[in-house]
N, C-alpha and C. Protein backbone atom coordinates (compact mmCIF):
# COMPACT_ATOMS: atom_id res chain seq x y z
N UNK A 1 0.85 -1.20 0.00
CA UNK A 1 0.00 -0.01 0.01
C UNK A 1 0.89 1.28 -0.01
N UNK A 2 2.01 1.21 0.65
CA UNK A 2 2.88 2.30 0.73
C UNK A 2 3.45 2.63 -0.65
N UNK A 3 3.71 1.55 -1.48
CA UNK A 3 4.26 1.83 -2.77
C UNK A 3 3.17 2.46 -3.68
N UNK A 4 1.91 2.20 -3.40
CA UNK A 4 0.85 2.81 -4.20
C UNK A 4 0.82 4.30 -3.94
N UNK A 5 0.87 4.70 -2.67
CA UNK A 5 0.89 6.09 -2.33
C UNK A 5 2.15 6.82 -2.87
N UNK A 6 3.21 6.17 -2.73
CA UNK A 6 4.49 6.78 -3.23
C UNK A 6 4.41 6.93 -4.77
N UNK A 7 3.89 5.97 -5.47
CA UNK A 7 3.75 6.04 -6.87
C UNK A 7 2.77 7.17 -7.26
N UNK A 8 1.66 7.26 -6.49
CA UNK A 8 0.73 8.30 -6.80
C UNK A 8 1.31 9.65 -6.59
N UNK A 9 2.08 9.84 -5.53
CA UNK A 9 2.79 11.04 -5.24
C UNK A 9 3.81 11.47 -6.32
N UNK A 10 4.55 10.49 -6.77
CA UNK A 10 5.49 10.76 -7.86
C UNK A 10 4.76 11.11 -9.15
N UNK A 11 3.65 10.43 -9.45
CA UNK A 11 2.85 10.72 -10.62
C UNK A 11 2.21 12.13 -10.50
N UNK A 12 1.80 12.53 -9.30
CA UNK A 12 1.19 13.88 -9.14
C UNK A 12 2.29 14.93 -9.38
N UNK A 13 3.46 14.71 -8.79
CA UNK A 13 4.54 15.68 -8.95
C UNK A 13 4.94 15.80 -10.43
N UNK A 14 5.00 14.62 -11.11
CA UNK A 14 5.33 14.64 -12.51
C UNK A 14 4.32 15.41 -13.35
N UNK A 15 3.02 15.17 -12.99
CA UNK A 15 1.92 15.83 -13.73
C UNK A 15 2.04 17.38 -13.52
N UNK A 16 2.25 17.77 -12.25
CA UNK A 16 2.30 19.25 -11.94
C UNK A 16 3.56 19.83 -12.68
N UNK A 17 4.60 19.11 -12.71
CA UNK A 17 5.79 19.61 -13.40
C UNK A 17 5.60 19.82 -14.92
N UNK A 18 4.96 18.76 -15.47
CA UNK A 18 4.65 18.80 -16.89
C UNK A 18 3.63 19.94 -17.16
N UNK A 19 2.64 20.12 -16.36
CA UNK A 19 1.66 21.19 -16.51
C UNK A 19 2.36 22.54 -16.43
N UNK A 20 3.32 22.74 -15.46
CA UNK A 20 4.01 23.95 -15.36
C UNK A 20 4.89 24.21 -16.54
N UNK A 21 5.53 23.20 -17.09
CA UNK A 21 6.35 23.35 -18.26
C UNK A 21 5.59 23.79 -19.50
N UNK A 22 4.34 23.15 -19.61
CA UNK A 22 3.50 23.53 -20.76
C UNK A 22 3.04 24.95 -20.61
N UNK A 23 2.70 25.38 -19.44
CA UNK A 23 2.29 26.83 -19.31
C UNK A 23 3.42 27.76 -19.56
N UNK A 24 4.67 27.40 -19.16
CA UNK A 24 5.85 28.20 -19.39
C UNK A 24 6.05 28.38 -20.89
N UNK A 25 5.96 27.27 -21.65
CA UNK A 25 6.20 27.30 -23.08
C UNK A 25 5.04 28.08 -23.79
N UNK A 26 3.85 28.00 -23.30
CA UNK A 26 2.76 28.73 -23.92
C UNK A 26 2.94 30.22 -23.70
N UNK A 27 3.42 30.60 -22.56
CA UNK A 27 3.70 32.02 -22.29
C UNK A 27 4.81 32.60 -23.15
N UNK A 28 5.87 31.77 -23.34
CA UNK A 28 6.99 32.23 -24.25
C UNK A 28 6.47 32.30 -25.64
N UNK A 29 5.65 31.36 -26.09
CA UNK A 29 5.16 31.40 -27.49
C UNK A 29 4.29 32.66 -27.67
N UNK A 30 3.41 32.95 -26.70
CA UNK A 30 2.53 34.10 -26.75
C UNK A 30 3.32 35.39 -26.89
N UNK A 31 4.39 35.50 -26.11
CA UNK A 31 5.26 36.66 -26.09
C UNK A 31 5.97 36.85 -27.44
N UNK A 32 6.32 35.70 -28.02
CA UNK A 32 7.02 35.73 -29.32
C UNK A 32 6.02 36.19 -30.42
N UNK A 33 4.81 35.71 -30.38
CA UNK A 33 3.82 36.11 -31.36
C UNK A 33 3.57 37.59 -31.27
N UNK A 34 3.40 38.09 -30.01
CA UNK A 34 3.20 39.51 -29.80
C UNK A 34 4.34 40.33 -30.33
N UNK A 35 5.51 39.95 -30.10
CA UNK A 35 6.73 40.61 -30.56
C UNK A 35 6.78 40.64 -32.12
N UNK A 36 6.47 39.52 -32.75
CA UNK A 36 6.48 39.45 -34.20
C UNK A 36 5.40 40.32 -34.77
N UNK A 37 4.27 40.43 -34.15
CA UNK A 37 3.19 41.31 -34.66
C UNK A 37 3.66 42.77 -34.54
N UNK A 38 4.29 43.12 -33.46
CA UNK A 38 4.79 44.50 -33.31
C UNK A 38 5.85 44.80 -34.34
N UNK A 39 6.75 43.87 -34.56
CA UNK A 39 7.80 44.05 -35.63
C UNK A 39 7.16 44.15 -37.02
N UNK A 40 6.09 43.43 -37.26
CA UNK A 40 5.38 43.51 -38.50
C UNK A 40 4.80 44.89 -38.72
N UNK A 41 4.16 45.39 -37.70
CA UNK A 41 3.50 46.72 -37.83
C UNK A 41 4.51 47.82 -38.02
N UNK A 42 5.65 47.69 -37.36
CA UNK A 42 6.75 48.67 -37.59
C UNK A 42 7.32 48.59 -39.00
N UNK A 43 7.51 47.40 -39.55
CA UNK A 43 7.93 47.21 -40.86
C UNK A 43 6.96 47.71 -41.92
N UNK A 44 5.67 47.57 -41.66
CA UNK A 44 4.65 48.04 -42.52
C UNK A 44 4.67 49.59 -42.58
N UNK A 45 4.87 50.20 -41.44
CA UNK A 45 4.97 51.67 -41.39
C UNK A 45 6.21 52.15 -42.10
N UNK A 46 7.33 51.46 -41.93
CA UNK A 46 8.52 51.84 -42.66
C UNK A 46 8.38 51.67 -44.17
N UNK A 47 7.72 50.59 -44.58
CA UNK A 47 7.55 50.38 -46.00
C UNK A 47 6.61 51.48 -46.58
N UNK A 48 5.58 51.85 -45.91
CA UNK A 48 4.72 52.92 -46.38
C UNK A 48 5.43 54.21 -46.54
N UNK A 49 6.24 54.52 -45.55
CA UNK A 49 7.10 55.77 -45.62
C UNK A 49 8.04 55.71 -46.78
N UNK A 50 8.70 54.62 -47.00
CA UNK A 50 9.59 54.51 -48.03
C UNK A 50 8.93 54.58 -49.45
N UNK A 51 7.70 53.98 -49.49
CA UNK A 51 6.92 54.06 -50.79
C UNK A 51 6.57 55.51 -51.07
N UNK A 52 6.17 56.24 -50.05
CA UNK A 52 5.83 57.70 -50.27
C UNK A 52 7.05 58.43 -50.70
N UNK A 53 8.21 58.20 -50.05
CA UNK A 53 9.42 58.85 -50.45
C UNK A 53 9.87 58.55 -51.85
N UNK A 54 9.75 57.30 -52.21
CA UNK A 54 10.06 56.86 -53.57
C UNK A 54 9.13 57.54 -54.62
N UNK A 55 7.89 57.58 -54.31
CA UNK A 55 6.87 58.21 -55.24
C UNK A 55 7.18 59.69 -55.36
N UNK A 56 7.57 60.40 -54.28
CA UNK A 56 7.85 61.81 -54.37
C UNK A 56 9.13 61.97 -55.19
N UNK A 57 10.11 61.13 -55.00
CA UNK A 57 11.35 61.25 -55.72
C UNK A 57 11.20 60.94 -57.21
N UNK A 58 10.31 60.00 -57.55
CA UNK A 58 10.08 59.58 -58.93
C UNK A 58 9.28 60.62 -59.70
N UNK A 59 8.35 61.35 -58.97
CA UNK A 59 7.44 62.28 -59.69
C UNK A 59 8.05 63.70 -59.64
N UNK A 60 9.13 63.93 -58.91
CA UNK A 60 9.72 65.27 -58.83
C UNK A 60 10.39 65.63 -60.12
N UNK A 61 10.33 66.89 -60.53
CA UNK A 61 11.06 67.36 -61.70
C UNK A 61 12.58 67.18 -61.49
N UNK A 62 13.23 66.75 -62.57
CA UNK A 62 14.65 66.51 -62.47
C UNK A 62 15.53 67.74 -62.84
N UNK A 63 15.00 68.58 -63.64
CA UNK A 63 15.74 69.76 -64.00
C UNK A 63 14.96 71.01 -63.85
N UNK A 64 15.58 72.16 -63.91
CA UNK A 64 14.83 73.46 -63.84
C UNK A 64 13.90 73.57 -65.00
N UNK A 65 14.26 73.11 -66.16
CA UNK A 65 13.38 73.24 -67.36
C UNK A 65 12.07 72.41 -67.09
N UNK A 66 12.26 71.21 -66.55
CA UNK A 66 11.06 70.39 -66.28
C UNK A 66 10.18 71.05 -65.23
N UNK A 67 10.75 71.66 -64.23
CA UNK A 67 9.98 72.34 -63.19
C UNK A 67 9.23 73.52 -63.82
N UNK A 68 9.86 74.26 -64.65
CA UNK A 68 9.23 75.46 -65.27
C UNK A 68 8.12 74.99 -66.18
N UNK A 69 8.34 73.84 -66.87
CA UNK A 69 7.28 73.38 -67.77
C UNK A 69 6.10 72.91 -66.95
N UNK A 70 6.29 72.27 -65.82
CA UNK A 70 5.20 71.86 -64.99
C UNK A 70 4.44 73.01 -64.46
N UNK A 71 5.17 74.00 -64.02
CA UNK A 71 4.52 75.18 -63.43
C UNK A 71 3.71 75.88 -64.57
N UNK A 72 4.27 75.95 -65.76
CA UNK A 72 3.61 76.66 -66.81
C UNK A 72 2.31 75.89 -67.23
N UNK A 73 2.37 74.54 -67.17
CA UNK A 73 1.15 73.75 -67.55
C UNK A 73 0.18 73.62 -66.42
N UNK A 74 0.52 74.05 -65.24
CA UNK A 74 -0.37 73.97 -64.10
C UNK A 74 -0.45 72.57 -63.52
N UNK A 75 0.58 71.74 -63.65
CA UNK A 75 0.53 70.41 -63.14
C UNK A 75 1.24 70.26 -61.78
N UNK A 76 1.98 71.31 -61.36
CA UNK A 76 2.68 71.21 -60.08
C UNK A 76 1.72 71.20 -58.90
N UNK A 77 1.96 70.30 -57.97
CA UNK A 77 1.08 70.28 -56.80
C UNK A 77 -0.08 69.32 -56.92
N UNK A 78 -0.18 68.67 -58.01
CA UNK A 78 -1.31 67.72 -58.21
C UNK A 78 -0.87 66.29 -58.00
């Protein structure tokens, strides 16, 4: 009978240890997911900024003559 109680005690300790380890891993995974989401939103914001900068650089007049032609045609600022 003593072996039964000792076995049940060891099994209970093992079950609690396993449960604690699973909770620990779940917490680490949740933190990693949250961190990756934050990194993704920061990267999206940087990509949007770079896209706006590239668009502005691509549509800007390259020479004084091009700028004067755009101003003359009324296309600047559109």
